[in-house]
PDB file of N, CA and C in Angstrom:
ATOM      1  N   UNK A   1       1.292  -3.578  11.080  1.00  0.00           N
ATOM      2  CA  UNK A   1       1.502  -4.683  10.176  1.00  0.00           C
ATOM      3  C   UNK A   1       2.589  -4.283   9.169  1.00  0.00           C
ATOM      4  N   UNK A   2       3.578  -5.149   9.015  1.00  0.00           N
ATOM      5  CA  UNK A   2       4.637  -4.871   8.050  1.00  0.00           C
ATOM      6  C   UNK A   2       4.092  -5.000   6.635  1.00  0.00           C
ATOM      7  N   UNK A   3       4.669  -4.214   5.732  1.00  0.00           N
ATOM      8  CA  UNK A   3       4.248  -4.306   4.337  1.00  0.00           C
ATOM      9  C   UNK A   3       5.394  -3.916   3.421  1.00  0.00           C
ATOM     10  N   UNK A   4       5.234  -4.233   2.156  1.00  0.00           N
ATOM     11  CA  UNK A   4       6.247  -3.951   1.134  1.00  0.00           C
ATOM     12  C   UNK A   4       5.813  -2.796   0.235  1.00  0.00           C
ATOM     13  N   UNK A   5       4.880  -2.000   0.693  1.00  0.00           N
ATOM     14  CA  UNK A   5       4.294  -0.959  -0.135  1.00  0.00           C
ATOM     15  C   UNK A   5       5.338   0.010  -0.676  1.00  0.00           C
ATOM     16  N   UNK A   6       6.220   0.479   0.176  1.00  0.00           N
ATOM     17  CA  UNK A   6       7.225   1.458  -0.251  1.00  0.00           C
ATOM     18  C   UNK A   6       8.137   0.879  -1.334  1.00  0.00           C
ATOM     19  N   UNK A   7       8.569  -0.360  -1.142  1.00  0.00           N
ATOM     20  CA  UNK A   7       9.447  -1.019  -2.118  1.00  0.00           C
ATOM     21  C   UNK A   7       8.717  -1.221  -3.440  1.00  0.00           C
ATOM     22  N   UNK A   8       7.496  -1.713  -3.375  1.00  0.00           N
ATOM     23  CA  UNK A   8       6.719  -1.947  -4.595  1.00  0.00           C
ATOM     24  C   UNK A   8       6.453  -0.647  -5.338  1.00  0.00           C
ATOM     25  N   UNK A   9       6.162   0.400  -4.595  1.00  0.00           N
ATOM     26  CA  UNK A   9       5.903   1.709  -5.198  1.00  0.00           C
ATOM     27  C   UNK A   9       7.170   2.235  -5.867  1.00  0.00           C
ATOM     28  N   UNK A  10       8.307   2.100  -5.192  1.00  0.00           N
ATOM     29  CA  UNK A  10       9.584   2.577  -5.737  1.00  0.00           C
ATOM     30  C   UNK A  10       9.975   1.802  -6.996  1.00  0.00           C
ATOM     31  N   UNK A  11       9.690   0.499  -7.015  1.00  0.00           N
ATOM     32  CA  UNK A  11       9.998  -0.320  -8.197  1.00  0.00           C
ATOM     33  C   UNK A  11       9.254   0.183  -9.428  1.00  0.00           C
ATOM     34  N   UNK A  12       8.108   0.780  -9.208  1.00  0.00           N
ATOM     35  CA  UNK A  12       7.298   1.293 -10.321  1.00  0.00           C
ATOM     36  C   UNK A  12       7.530   2.790 -10.569  1.00  0.00           C
ATOM     37  N   UNK A  13       8.427   3.362  -9.772  1.00  0.00           N
ATOM     38  CA  UNK A  13       8.751   4.788  -9.879  1.00  0.00           C
ATOM     39  C   UNK A  13       7.524   5.668  -9.662  1.00  0.00           C
ATOM     40  N   UNK A  14       6.684   5.266  -8.697  1.00  0.00           N
ATOM     41  CA  UNK A  14       5.494   6.035  -8.346  1.00  0.00           C
ATOM     42  C   UNK A  14       5.781   6.834  -7.088  1.00  0.00           C
ATOM     43  N   UNK A  15       5.297   8.049  -7.028  1.00  0.00           N
ATOM     44  CA  UNK A  15       5.359   8.834  -5.797  1.00  0.00           C
ATOM     45  C   UNK A  15       4.221   8.370  -4.883  1.00  0.00           C
ATOM     46  N   UNK A  16       4.267   8.820  -3.643  1.00  0.00           N
ATOM     47  CA  UNK A  16       3.154   8.516  -2.742  1.00  0.00           C
ATOM     48  C   UNK A  16       1.871   9.117  -3.298  1.00  0.00           C
ATOM     49  N   UNK A  17       1.981  10.289  -3.907  1.00  0.00           N
ATOM     50  CA  UNK A  17       0.818  10.937  -4.507  1.00  0.00           C
ATOM     51  C   UNK A  17       0.252  10.134  -5.663  1.00  0.00           C
ATOM     52  N   UNK A  18       1.144   9.553  -6.483  1.00  0.00           N
ATOM     53  CA  UNK A  18       0.692   8.716  -7.605  1.00  0.00           C
ATOM     54  C   UNK A  18      -0.114   7.533  -7.088  1.00  0.00           C
ATOM     55  N   UNK A  19       0.430   6.857  -6.088  1.00  0.00           N
ATOM     56  CA  UNK A  19      -0.264   5.692  -5.534  1.00  0.00           C
ATOM     57  C   UNK A  19      -1.566   6.107  -4.870  1.00  0.00           C
ATOM     58  N   UNK A  20      -1.545   7.205  -4.143  1.00  0.00           N
ATOM     59  CA  UNK A  20      -2.756   7.687  -3.480  1.00  0.00           C
ATOM     60  C   UNK A  20      -3.866   7.924  -4.495  1.00  0.00           C
ATOM     61  N   UNK A  21      -3.499   8.510  -5.631  1.00  0.00           N
ATOM     62  CA  UNK A  21      -4.491   8.782  -6.677  1.00  0.00           C
ATOM     63  C   UNK A  21      -5.082   7.483  -7.209  1.00  0.00           C
ATOM     64  N   UNK A  22      -4.250   6.478  -7.419  1.00  0.00           N
ATOM     65  CA  UNK A  22      -4.728   5.187  -7.926  1.00  0.00           C
ATOM     66  C   UNK A  22      -5.647   4.492  -6.921  1.00  0.00           C
ATOM     67  N   UNK A  23      -5.397   4.754  -5.623  1.00  0.00           N
ATOM     68  CA  UNK A  23      -6.175   4.102  -4.567  1.00  0.00           C
ATOM     69  C   UNK A  23      -7.387   4.916  -4.127  1.00  0.00           C
ATOM     70  N   UNK A  24      -7.423   6.182  -4.501  1.00  0.00           N
ATOM     71  CA  UNK A  24      -8.521   7.033  -4.070  1.00  0.00           C
ATOM     72  C   UNK A  24      -8.412   7.435  -2.606  1.00  0.00           C
ATOM     73  N   UNK A  25      -7.166   7.563  -2.120  1.00  0.00           N
ATOM     74  CA  UNK A  25      -6.929   7.994  -0.742  1.00  0.00           C
ATOM     75  C   UNK A  25      -5.956   9.169  -0.766  1.00  0.00           C
ATOM     76  N   UNK A  26      -5.676   9.735   0.399  1.00  0.00           N
ATOM     77  CA  UNK A  26      -4.731  10.848   0.470  1.00  0.00           C
ATOM     78  C   UNK A  26      -3.288  10.339   0.479  1.00  0.00           C
ATOM     79  N   UNK A  27      -2.379  11.230   0.130  1.00  0.00           N
ATOM     80  CA  UNK A  27      -0.958  10.892   0.180  1.00  0.00           C
ATOM     81  C   UNK A  27      -0.564  10.573   1.624  1.00  0.00           C
ATOM     82  N   UNK A  28      -1.168  11.280   2.577  1.00  0.00           N
ATOM     83  CA  UNK A  28      -0.881  11.040   3.986  1.00  0.00           C
ATOM     84  C   UNK A  28      -1.290   9.626   4.402  1.00  0.00           C
ATOM     85  N   UNK A  29      -2.371   9.120   3.826  1.00  0.00           N
ATOM     86  CA  UNK A  29      -2.795   7.744   4.117  1.00  0.00           C
ATOM     87  C   UNK A  29      -1.770   6.748   3.606  1.00  0.00           C
ATOM     88  N   UNK A  30      -1.270   6.979   2.400  1.00  0.00           N
ATOM     89  CA  UNK A  30      -0.238   6.093   1.843  1.00  0.00           C
ATOM     90  C   UNK A  30       0.993   6.117   2.743  1.00  0.00           C
ATOM     91  N   UNK A  31       1.409   7.301   3.170  1.00  0.00           N
ATOM     92  CA  UNK A  31       2.564   7.426   4.053  1.00  0.00           C
ATOM     93  C   UNK A  31       2.335   6.672   5.361  1.00  0.00           C
ATOM     94  N   UNK A  32       1.151   6.814   5.938  1.00  0.00           N
ATOM     95  CA  UNK A  32       0.848   6.151   7.206  1.00  0.00           C
ATOM     96  C   UNK A  32       0.855   4.626   7.057  1.00  0.00           C
ATOM     97  N   UNK A  33       0.378   4.119   5.929  1.00  0.00           N
ATOM     98  CA  UNK A  33       0.393   2.675   5.694  1.00  0.00           C
ATOM     99  C   UNK A  33       1.838   2.204   5.519  1.00  0.00           C
ATOM    100  N   UNK A  34       2.618   2.936   4.722  1.00  0.00           N
ATOM    101  CA  UNK A  34       4.017   2.557   4.474  1.00  0.00           C
ATOM    102  C   UNK A  34       4.834   2.511   5.758  1.00  0.00           C
ATOM    103  N   UNK A  35       4.592   3.443   6.661  1.00  0.00           N
ATOM    104  CA  UNK A  35       5.375   3.510   7.897  1.00  0.00           C
ATOM    105  C   UNK A  35       4.807   2.644   9.017  1.00  0.00           C
ATOM    106  N   UNK A  36       3.699   1.954   8.741  1.00  0.00           N
ATOM    107  CA  UNK A  36       3.110   1.059   9.730  1.00  0.00           C
ATOM    108  C   UNK A  36       2.291   1.756  10.793  1.00  0.00           C
ATOM    109  N   UNK A  37       2.001   3.038  10.595  1.00  0.00           N
ATOM    110  CA  UNK A  37       1.202   3.783  11.570  1.00  0.00           C
ATOM    111  C   UNK A  37      -0.294   3.543  11.385  1.00  0.00           C
ATOM    112  N   UNK A  38      -0.641   2.965  10.244  1.00  0.00           N
ATOM    113  CA  UNK A  38      -2.050   2.732   9.925  1.00  0.00           C
ATOM    114  C   UNK A  38      -2.162   1.438   9.134  1.00  0.00           C
ATOM    115  N   UNK A  39      -3.062   0.566   9.548  1.00  0.00           N
ATOM    116  CA  UNK A  39      -3.348  -0.655   8.803  1.00  0.00           C
ATOM    117  C   UNK A  39      -4.572  -0.397   7.934  1.00  0.00           C
ATOM    118  N   UNK A  40      -4.457  -0.668   6.635  1.00  0.00           N
ATOM    119  CA  UNK A  40      -5.593  -0.396   5.750  1.00  0.00           C
ATOM    120  C   UNK A  40      -6.769  -1.319   6.049  1.00  0.00           C
ATOM    121  N   UNK A  41      -7.953  -0.835   5.719  1.00  0.00           N
ATOM    122  CA  UNK A  41      -9.141  -1.680   5.833  1.00  0.00           C
ATOM    123  C   UNK A  41      -8.997  -2.831   4.836  1.00  0.00           C
ATOM    124  N   UNK A  42      -9.774  -3.865   5.020  1.00  0.00           N
ATOM    125  CA  UNK A  42      -9.711  -4.999   4.099  1.00  0.00           C
ATOM    126  C   UNK A  42     -10.037  -4.588   2.662  1.00  0.00           C
ATOM    127  N   UNK A  43     -11.091  -3.783   2.431  1.00  0.00           N
ATOM    128  CA  UNK A  43     -11.356  -3.355   1.058  1.00  0.00           C
ATOM    129  C   UNK A  43     -10.182  -2.564   0.455  1.00  0.00           C
ATOM    130  N   UNK A  44      -9.546  -1.708   1.253  1.00  0.00           N
ATOM    131  CA  UNK A  44      -8.404  -0.953   0.741  1.00  0.00           C
ATOM    132  C   UNK A  44      -7.224  -1.879   0.471  1.00  0.00           C
ATOM    133  N   UNK A  45      -7.004  -2.862   1.328  1.00  0.00           N
ATOM    134  CA  UNK A  45      -5.923  -3.828   1.109  1.00  0.00           C
ATOM    135  C   UNK A  45      -6.142  -4.577  -0.202  1.00  0.00           C
ATOM    136  N   UNK A  46      -7.390  -4.962  -0.490  1.00  0.00           N
ATOM    137  CA  UNK A  46      -7.690  -5.625  -1.761  1.00  0.00           C
ATOM    138  C   UNK A  46      -7.434  -4.692  -2.940  1.00  0.00           C
ATOM    139  N   UNK A  47      -7.765  -3.423  -2.793  1.00  0.00           N
ATOM    140  CA  UNK A  47      -7.528  -2.447  -3.856  1.00  0.00           C
ATOM    141  C   UNK A  47      -6.027  -2.273  -4.088  1.00  0.00           C
ATOM    142  N   UNK A  48      -5.260  -2.220  -3.016  1.00  0.00           N
ATOM    143  CA  UNK A  48      -3.807  -2.118  -3.136  1.00  0.00           C
ATOM    144  C   UNK A  48      -3.265  -3.328  -3.888  1.00  0.00           C
ATOM    145  N   UNK A  49      -3.737  -4.510  -3.528  1.00  0.00           N
ATOM    146  CA  UNK A  49      -3.298  -5.729  -4.206  1.00  0.00           C
ATOM    147  C   UNK A  49      -3.646  -5.689  -5.697  1.00  0.00           C
ATOM    148  N   UNK A  50      -4.826  -5.195  -6.025  1.00  0.00           N
ATOM    149  CA  UNK A  50      -5.239  -5.067  -7.426  1.00  0.00           C
ATOM    150  C   UNK A  50      -4.328  -4.115  -8.183  1.00  0.00           C
ATOM    151  N   UNK A  51      -4.028  -2.975  -7.582  1.00  0.00           N
ATOM    152  CA  UNK A  51      -3.182  -1.968  -8.234  1.00  0.00           C
ATOM    153  C   UNK A  51      -1.802  -2.546  -8.549  1.00  0.00           C
ATOM    154  N   UNK A  52      -1.259  -3.334  -7.622  1.00  0.00           N
ATOM    155  CA  UNK A  52       0.065  -3.924  -7.829  1.00  0.00           C
ATOM    156  C   UNK A  52       0.010  -5.277  -8.528  1.00  0.00           C
ATOM    157  N   UNK A  53      -1.200  -5.771  -8.782  1.00  0.00           N
ATOM    158  CA  UNK A  53      -1.398  -7.064  -9.433  1.00  0.00           C
ATOM    159  C   UNK A  53      -0.677  -8.184  -8.679  1.00  0.00           C
ATOM    160  N   UNK A  54      -0.849  -8.146  -7.348  1.00  0.00           N
ATOM    161  CA  UNK A  54      -0.252  -9.145  -6.472  1.00  0.00           C
ATOM    162  C   UNK A  54      -1.305  -9.634  -5.482  1.00  0.00           C
ATOM    163  N   UNK A  55      -1.022 -10.759  -4.843  1.00  0.00           N
ATOM    164  CA  UNK A  55      -1.891 -11.242  -3.761  1.00  0.00           C
ATOM    165  C   UNK A  55      -1.621 -10.394  -2.522  1.00  0.00           C
ATOM    166  N   UNK A  56      -2.623 -10.224  -1.692  1.00  0.00           N
ATOM    167  CA  UNK A  56      -2.472  -9.442  -0.464  1.00  0.00           C
ATOM    168  C   UNK A  56      -1.280  -9.947   0.357  1.00  0.00           C
ATOM    169  N   UNK A  57      -1.113 -11.262   0.405  1.00  0.00           N
ATOM    170  CA  UNK A  57      -0.038 -11.857   1.199  1.00  0.00           C
ATOM    171  C   UNK A  57       1.343 -11.475   0.681  1.00  0.00           C
ATOM    172  N   UNK A  58       1.432 -11.079  -0.584  1.00  0.00           N
ATOM    173  CA  UNK A  58       2.710 -10.669  -1.163  1.00  0.00           C
ATOM    174  C   UNK A  58       3.043  -9.218  -0.792  1.00  0.00           C
ATOM    175  N   UNK A  59       2.090  -8.502  -0.235  1.00  0.00           N
ATOM    176  CA  UNK A  59       2.290  -7.102   0.125  1.00  0.00           C
ATOM    177  C   UNK A  59       2.323  -6.921   1.639  1.00  0.00           C
ATOM    178  N   UNK A  60       1.412  -7.583   2.341  1.00  0.00           N
ATOM    179  CA  UNK A  60       1.260  -7.404   3.781  1.00  0.00           C
ATOM    180  C   UNK A  60       1.666  -8.652   4.545  1.00  0.00           C
ATOM    181  N   UNK A  61       2.344  -8.461   5.671  1.00  0.00           N
ATOM    182  CA  UNK A  61       2.743  -9.555   6.555  1.00  0.00           C
ATOM    183  C   UNK A  61       1.993  -9.399   7.869  1.00  0.00           C
ATOM    184  N   UNK A  62       0.941 -10.184   8.095  1.00  0.00           N
ATOM    185  CA  UNK A  62       0.145 -10.043   9.313  1.00  0.00           C
ATOM    186  C   UNK A  62       0.936 -10.361  10.588  1.00  0.00           C
ATOM    187  N   UNK A  63       2.060 -11.057  10.455  1.00  0.00           N
ATOM    188  CA  UNK A  63       2.870 -11.388  11.625  1.00  0.00           C
ATOM    189  C   UNK A  63       3.778 -10.235  12.018  1.00  0.00           C
ATOM    190  N   UNK A  64       3.908  -9.250  11.099  1.00  0.00           N
ATOM    191  CA  UNK A  64       4.830  -8.139  11.334  1.00  0.00           C
ATOM    192  C   UNK A  64       4.239  -7.133  12.125  1.00  0.00           C
TER     193      UNK A  64
END
């Protein structure tokens, strides 16, 4: 699934480690989500949306 995670993270000047800490996951998980190798669970997707203060649809593209 395509996502804007890397762009959103860069806009906030956060490292993958910074975002991982906010989400309670590993840096490797953040990397895997950013590169499309792993689709987050629904609860994690909601947490990501909360952290960025955006709707899930503004971060993830289910058609991608």
